[in-house]
PDB file of N, CA and C in Angstrom:
ATOM      1  N   MET A   1       4.035  18.616 -11.668  1.00  0.00           N
ATOM      2  CA  MET A   1       3.159  17.674 -11.013  1.00  0.00           C
ATOM      3  C   MET A   1       2.636  18.325  -9.738  1.00  0.00           C
ATOM      4  N   SER A   2       1.345  18.251  -9.551  1.00  0.00           N
ATOM      5  CA  SER A   2       0.747  18.888  -8.379  1.00  0.00           C
ATOM      6  C   SER A   2       1.002  18.051  -7.127  1.00  0.00           C
ATOM      7  N   LEU A   3       0.815  18.682  -5.998  1.00  0.00           N
ATOM      8  CA  LEU A   3       1.006  18.009  -4.721  1.00  0.00           C
ATOM      9  C   LEU A   3       0.019  16.854  -4.565  1.00  0.00           C
ATOM     10  N   LYS A   4      -1.202  17.052  -5.032  1.00  0.00           N
ATOM     11  CA  LYS A   4      -2.225  16.008  -4.956  1.00  0.00           C
ATOM     12  C   LYS A   4      -1.824  14.796  -5.807  1.00  0.00           C
ATOM     13  N   ALA A   5      -1.349  15.030  -7.008  1.00  0.00           N
ATOM     14  CA  ALA A   5      -0.939  13.934  -7.886  1.00  0.00           C
ATOM     15  C   ALA A   5       0.272  13.202  -7.317  1.00  0.00           C
ATOM     16  N   LEU A   6       1.221  13.952  -6.764  1.00  0.00           N
ATOM     17  CA  LEU A   6       2.391  13.334  -6.154  1.00  0.00           C
ATOM     18  C   LEU A   6       1.980  12.449  -4.981  1.00  0.00           C
ATOM     19  N   HIS A   7       1.057  12.914  -4.174  1.00  0.00           N
ATOM     20  CA  HIS A   7       0.554  12.142  -3.045  1.00  0.00           C
ATOM     21  C   HIS A   7      -0.076  10.843  -3.534  1.00  0.00           C
ATOM     22  N   GLN A   8      -0.852  10.905  -4.601  1.00  0.00           N
ATOM     23  CA  GLN A   8      -1.484   9.708  -5.153  1.00  0.00           C
ATOM     24  C   GLN A   8      -0.449   8.719  -5.673  1.00  0.00           C
ATOM     25  N   VAL A   9       0.578   9.216  -6.325  1.00  0.00           N
ATOM     26  CA  VAL A   9       1.628   8.338  -6.858  1.00  0.00           C
ATOM     27  C   VAL A   9       2.369   7.646  -5.718  1.00  0.00           C
ATOM     28  N   ILE A  10       2.674   8.384  -4.668  1.00  0.00           N
ATOM     29  CA  ILE A  10       3.400   7.791  -3.540  1.00  0.00           C
ATOM     30  C   ILE A  10       2.549   6.740  -2.843  1.00  0.00           C
ATOM     31  N   ILE A  11       1.262   6.993  -2.659  1.00  0.00           N
ATOM     32  CA  ILE A  11       0.385   6.013  -2.029  1.00  0.00           C
ATOM     33  C   ILE A  11       0.263   4.766  -2.908  1.00  0.00           C
ATOM     34  N   PHE A  12       0.122   4.956  -4.218  1.00  0.00           N
ATOM     35  CA  PHE A  12       0.045   3.817  -5.126  1.00  0.00           C
ATOM     36  C   PHE A  12       1.342   3.004  -5.103  1.00  0.00           C
ATOM     37  N   ALA A  13       2.477   3.677  -5.041  1.00  0.00           N
ATOM     38  CA  ALA A  13       3.759   2.975  -4.975  1.00  0.00           C
ATOM     39  C   ALA A  13       3.873   2.177  -3.676  1.00  0.00           C
ATOM     40  N   ALA A  14       3.415   2.750  -2.576  1.00  0.00           N
ATOM     41  CA  ALA A  14       3.455   2.037  -1.296  1.00  0.00           C
ATOM     42  C   ALA A  14       2.552   0.808  -1.323  1.00  0.00           C
ATOM     43  N   MET A  15       1.370   0.927  -1.932  1.00  0.00           N
ATOM     44  CA  MET A  15       0.483  -0.233  -2.062  1.00  0.00           C
ATOM     45  C   MET A  15       1.139  -1.327  -2.899  1.00  0.00           C
ATOM     46  N   THR A  16       1.753  -0.929  -3.999  1.00  0.00           N
ATOM     47  CA  THR A  16       2.384  -1.893  -4.894  1.00  0.00           C
ATOM     48  C   THR A  16       3.544  -2.608  -4.201  1.00  0.00           C
ATOM     49  N   ILE A  17       4.375  -1.872  -3.515  1.00  0.00           N
ATOM     50  CA  ILE A  17       5.499  -2.475  -2.800  1.00  0.00           C
ATOM     51  C   ILE A  17       5.007  -3.416  -1.711  1.00  0.00           C
ATOM     52  N   SER A  18       3.952  -3.031  -1.018  1.00  0.00           N
ATOM     53  CA  SER A  18       3.392  -3.874   0.034  1.00  0.00           C
ATOM     54  C   SER A  18       2.863  -5.189  -0.530  1.00  0.00           C
ATOM     55  N   ILE A  19       2.176  -5.127  -1.651  1.00  0.00           N
ATOM     56  CA  ILE A  19       1.639  -6.347  -2.256  1.00  0.00           C
ATOM     57  C   ILE A  19       2.762  -7.231  -2.793  1.00  0.00           C
ATOM     58  N   ILE A  20       3.758  -6.629  -3.421  1.00  0.00           N
ATOM     59  CA  ILE A  20       4.891  -7.410  -3.933  1.00  0.00           C
ATOM     60  C   ILE A  20       5.629  -8.100  -2.784  1.00  0.00           C
ATOM     61  N   PHE A  21       5.835  -7.394  -1.682  1.00  0.00           N
ATOM     62  CA  PHE A  21       6.498  -8.003  -0.535  1.00  0.00           C
ATOM     63  C   PHE A  21       5.655  -9.128   0.060  1.00  0.00           C
ATOM     64  N   ALA A  22       4.331  -8.957   0.099  1.00  0.00           N
ATOM     65  CA  ALA A  22       3.454 -10.008   0.616  1.00  0.00           C
ATOM     66  C   ALA A  22       3.546 -11.259  -0.259  1.00  0.00           C
ATOM     67  N   VAL A  23       3.539 -11.090  -1.560  1.00  0.00           N
ATOM     68  CA  VAL A  23       3.662 -12.236  -2.463  1.00  0.00           C
ATOM     69  C   VAL A  23       5.006 -12.923  -2.260  1.00  0.00           C
ATOM     70  N   TRP A  24       6.062 -12.136  -2.108  1.00  0.00           N
ATOM     71  CA  TRP A  24       7.377 -12.716  -1.871  1.00  0.00           C
ATOM     72  C   TRP A  24       7.393 -13.504  -0.558  1.00  0.00           C
ATOM     73  N   CYS A  25       6.747 -12.965   0.481  1.00  0.00           N
ATOM     74  CA  CYS A  25       6.697 -13.661   1.769  1.00  0.00           C
ATOM     75  C   CYS A  25       5.950 -14.985   1.656  1.00  0.00           C
ATOM     76  N   PHE A  26       4.865 -15.007   0.920  1.00  0.00           N
ATOM     77  CA  PHE A  26       4.078 -16.231   0.800  1.00  0.00           C
ATOM     78  C   PHE A  26       4.787 -17.305  -0.020  1.00  0.00           C
ATOM     79  N   PHE A  27       5.565 -16.898  -1.005  1.00  0.00           N
ATOM     80  CA  PHE A  27       6.221 -17.869  -1.870  1.00  0.00           C
ATOM     81  C   PHE A  27       7.694 -18.092  -1.533  1.00  0.00           C
ATOM     82  N   SER A  28       8.154 -17.519  -0.447  1.00  0.00           N
ATOM     83  CA  SER A  28       9.535 -17.719  -0.036  1.00  0.00           C
ATOM     84  C   SER A  28       9.684 -19.121   0.544  1.00  0.00           C
ATOM     85  N   SER A  29      10.719 -19.802   0.158  1.00  0.00           N
ATOM     86  CA  SER A  29      10.933 -21.176   0.635  1.00  0.00           C
ATOM     87  C   SER A  29      12.053 -21.195   1.658  1.00  0.00           C
ATOM     88  N   ASP A  30      11.815 -20.586   2.783  1.00  0.00           N
ATOM     89  CA  ASP A  30      12.802 -20.538   3.848  1.00  0.00           C
ATOM     90  C   ASP A  30      12.301 -21.373   5.024  1.00  0.00           C
ATOM     91  N   ALA A  31      13.171 -21.659   5.949  1.00  0.00           N
ATOM     92  CA  ALA A  31      12.799 -22.490   7.090  1.00  0.00           C
ATOM     93  C   ALA A  31      11.898 -21.753   8.078  1.00  0.00           C
ATOM     94  N   VAL A  32      11.896 -20.440   8.046  1.00  0.00           N
ATOM     95  CA  VAL A  32      11.105 -19.653   8.998  1.00  0.00           C
ATOM     96  C   VAL A  32       9.789 -19.276   8.321  1.00  0.00           C
ATOM     97  N   GLY A  33       8.988 -20.251   7.929  1.00  0.00           N
ATOM     98  CA  GLY A  33       7.778 -20.018   7.165  1.00  0.00           C
ATOM     99  C   GLY A  33       6.700 -19.262   7.915  1.00  0.00           C
ATOM    100  N   MET A  34       6.568 -19.503   9.213  1.00  0.00           N
ATOM    101  CA  MET A  34       5.501 -18.861   9.981  1.00  0.00           C
ATOM    102  C   MET A  34       5.713 -17.352  10.079  1.00  0.00           C
ATOM    103  N   VAL A  35       6.956 -16.931  10.246  1.00  0.00           N
ATOM    104  CA  VAL A  35       7.248 -15.505  10.341  1.00  0.00           C
ATOM    105  C   VAL A  35       6.928 -14.817   9.021  1.00  0.00           C
ATOM    106  N   TYR A  36       7.304 -15.442   7.904  1.00  0.00           N
ATOM    107  CA  TYR A  36       7.019 -14.868   6.594  1.00  0.00           C
ATOM    108  C   TYR A  36       5.517 -14.825   6.316  1.00  0.00           C
ATOM    109  N   SER A  37       4.802 -15.826   6.793  1.00  0.00           N
ATOM    110  CA  SER A  37       3.346 -15.819   6.603  1.00  0.00           C
ATOM    111  C   SER A  37       2.703 -14.663   7.370  1.00  0.00           C
ATOM    112  N   ILE A  38       3.161 -14.437   8.583  1.00  0.00           N
ATOM    113  CA  ILE A  38       2.635 -13.327   9.386  1.00  0.00           C
ATOM    114  C   ILE A  38       2.975 -11.989   8.729  1.00  0.00           C
ATOM    115  N   LEU A  39       4.198 -11.860   8.229  1.00  0.00           N
ATOM    116  CA  LEU A  39       4.584 -10.627   7.537  1.00  0.00           C
ATOM    117  C   LEU A  39       3.760 -10.428   6.263  1.00  0.00           C
ATOM    118  N   GLY A  40       3.487 -11.518   5.547  1.00  0.00           N
ATOM    119  CA  GLY A  40       2.671 -11.424   4.337  1.00  0.00           C
ATOM    120  C   GLY A  40       1.260 -10.948   4.637  1.00  0.00           C
ATOM    121  N   VAL A  41       0.669 -11.482   5.683  1.00  0.00           N
ATOM    122  CA  VAL A  41      -0.680 -11.065   6.075  1.00  0.00           C
ATOM    123  C   VAL A  41      -0.670  -9.608   6.526  1.00  0.00           C
ATOM    124  N   ALA A  42       0.367  -9.210   7.265  1.00  0.00           N
ATOM    125  CA  ALA A  42       0.465  -7.812   7.709  1.00  0.00           C
ATOM    126  C   ALA A  42       0.584  -6.871   6.508  1.00  0.00           C
ATOM    127  N   CYS A  43       1.317  -7.291   5.488  1.00  0.00           N
ATOM    128  CA  CYS A  43       1.466  -6.454   4.290  1.00  0.00           C
ATOM    129  C   CYS A  43       0.154  -6.348   3.524  1.00  0.00           C
ATOM    130  N   ILE A  44      -0.616  -7.423   3.493  1.00  0.00           N
ATOM    131  CA  ILE A  44      -1.931  -7.368   2.847  1.00  0.00           C
ATOM    132  C   ILE A  44      -2.837  -6.383   3.586  1.00  0.00           C
ATOM    133  N   PHE A  45      -2.824  -6.438   4.914  1.00  0.00           N
ATOM    134  CA  PHE A  45      -3.622  -5.489   5.692  1.00  0.00           C
ATOM    135  C   PHE A  45      -3.138  -4.051   5.488  1.00  0.00           C
ATOM    136  N   ALA A  46      -1.831  -3.870   5.368  1.00  0.00           N
ATOM    137  CA  ALA A  46      -1.291  -2.531   5.113  1.00  0.00           C
ATOM    138  C   ALA A  46      -1.756  -2.017   3.754  1.00  0.00           C
ATOM    139  N   ALA A  47      -1.758  -2.885   2.748  1.00  0.00           N
ATOM    140  CA  ALA A  47      -2.219  -2.472   1.417  1.00  0.00           C
ATOM    141  C   ALA A  47      -3.697  -2.112   1.443  1.00  0.00           C
ATOM    142  N   ILE A  48      -4.498  -2.869   2.172  1.00  0.00           N
ATOM    143  CA  ILE A  48      -5.929  -2.566   2.296  1.00  0.00           C
ATOM    144  C   ILE A  48      -6.116  -1.229   3.013  1.00  0.00           C
ATOM    145  N   GLY A  49      -5.314  -0.993   4.050  1.00  0.00           N
ATOM    146  CA  GLY A  49      -5.369   0.292   4.751  1.00  0.00           C
ATOM    147  C   GLY A  49      -4.982   1.451   3.853  1.00  0.00           C
ATOM    148  N   LEU A  50      -3.998   1.244   2.997  1.00  0.00           N
ATOM    149  CA  LEU A  50      -3.601   2.289   2.059  1.00  0.00           C
ATOM    150  C   LEU A  50      -4.678   2.569   1.022  1.00  0.00           C
ATOM    151  N   VAL A  51      -5.396   1.534   0.604  1.00  0.00           N
ATOM    152  CA  VAL A  51      -6.526   1.745  -0.321  1.00  0.00           C
ATOM    153  C   VAL A  51      -7.588   2.601   0.361  1.00  0.00           C
ATOM    154  N   GLY A  52      -7.892   2.275   1.617  1.00  0.00           N
ATOM    155  CA  GLY A  52      -8.860   3.073   2.370  1.00  0.00           C
ATOM    156  C   GLY A  52      -8.407   4.508   2.547  1.00  0.00           C
ATOM    157  N   TYR A  53      -7.122   4.691   2.810  1.00  0.00           N
ATOM    158  CA  TYR A  53      -6.586   6.039   2.957  1.00  0.00           C
ATOM    159  C   TYR A  53      -6.665   6.802   1.645  1.00  0.00           C
ATOM    160  N   GLU A  54      -6.376   6.125   0.539  1.00  0.00           N
ATOM    161  CA  GLU A  54      -6.451   6.781  -0.776  1.00  0.00           C
ATOM    162  C   GLU A  54      -7.883   7.228  -1.072  1.00  0.00           C
ATOM    163  N   ILE A  55      -8.851   6.403  -0.774  1.00  0.00           N
ATOM    164  CA  ILE A  55     -10.256   6.765  -0.982  1.00  0.00           C
ATOM    165  C   ILE A  55     -10.618   7.965  -0.110  1.00  0.00           C
ATOM    166  N   HIS A  56     -10.197   7.931   1.154  1.00  0.00           N
ATOM    167  CA  HIS A  56     -10.465   9.041   2.068  1.00  0.00           C
ATOM    168  C   HIS A  56      -9.799  10.328   1.570  1.00  0.00           C
ATOM    169  N   PHE A  57      -8.559  10.223   1.114  1.00  0.00           N
ATOM    170  CA  PHE A  57      -7.827  11.379   0.607  1.00  0.00           C
ATOM    171  C   PHE A  57      -8.516  11.965  -0.619  1.00  0.00           C
ATOM    172  N   LEU A  58      -8.964  11.120  -1.527  1.00  0.00           N
ATOM    173  CA  LEU A  58      -9.613  11.619  -2.739  1.00  0.00           C
ATOM    174  C   LEU A  58     -10.950  12.283  -2.425  1.00  0.00           C
ATOM    175  N   LYS A  59     -11.678  11.754  -1.447  1.00  0.00           N
ATOM    176  CA  LYS A  59     -12.940  12.391  -1.057  1.00  0.00           C
ATOM    177  C   LYS A  59     -12.693  13.759  -0.426  1.00  0.00           C
ATOM    178  N   ARG A  60     -11.651  13.854   0.411  1.00  0.00           N
ATOM    179  CA  ARG A  60     -11.367  15.116   1.093  1.00  0.00           C
ATOM    180  C   ARG A  60     -10.837  16.192   0.156  1.00  0.00           C
ATOM    181  N   THR A  61     -10.140  15.783  -0.893  1.00  0.00           N
ATOM    182  CA  THR A  61      -9.513  16.770  -1.778  1.00  0.00           C
ATOM    183  C   THR A  61     -10.236  16.894  -3.121  1.00  0.00           C
ATOM    184  N   ARG A  62     -11.448  16.413  -3.200  1.00  0.00           N
ATOM    185  CA  ARG A  62     -12.177  16.447  -4.460  1.00  0.00           C
ATOM    186  C   ARG A  62     -12.357  17.877  -4.973  1.00  0.00           C
ATOM    187  N   ARG A  63     -12.698  18.792  -4.098  1.00  0.00           N
ATOM    188  CA  ARG A  63     -12.978  20.163  -4.523  1.00  0.00           C
ATOM    189  C   ARG A  63     -11.794  21.111  -4.312  1.00  0.00           C
ATOM    190  N   LEU A  64     -10.712  20.623  -3.742  1.00  0.00           N
ATOM    191  CA  LEU A  64      -9.544  21.474  -3.544  1.00  0.00           C
ATOM    192  C   LEU A  64      -8.784  21.650  -4.838  1.00  0.00           C
ATOM    193  N   ILE A  65      -8.260  22.818  -5.026  1.00  0.00           N
ATOM    194  CA  ILE A  65      -7.394  23.078  -6.173  1.00  0.00           C
ATOM    195  C   ILE A  65      -5.991  23.274  -5.619  1.00  0.00           C
ATOM    196  N   ILE A  66      -5.174  22.233  -5.733  1.00  0.00           N
ATOM    197  CA  ILE A  66      -3.797  22.278  -5.222  1.00  0.00           C
ATOM    198  C   ILE A  66      -2.865  22.251  -6.419  1.00  0.00           C
ATOM    199  N   ARG A  67      -2.027  23.268  -6.514  1.00  0.00           N
ATOM    200  CA  ARG A  67      -1.107  23.332  -7.652  1.00  0.00           C
ATOM    201  C   ARG A  67       0.298  23.193  -7.217  1.00  0.00           C
TER     202      ARG A  67
END
């Protein structure tokens, strides 16, 4: 597996974990609902930031040959 592919897999895994945690925060039935809501929104923003980073990374490494 190339370094570029490994980087893409790790970024995708981080996005997936962030979204799963956000969903868990929104549907958690605990007494501290406001804190979980804030954490859920922060995780959504983190996932959006990771999507932007992935797009930026793919544009920068389009012509690179990394093995």
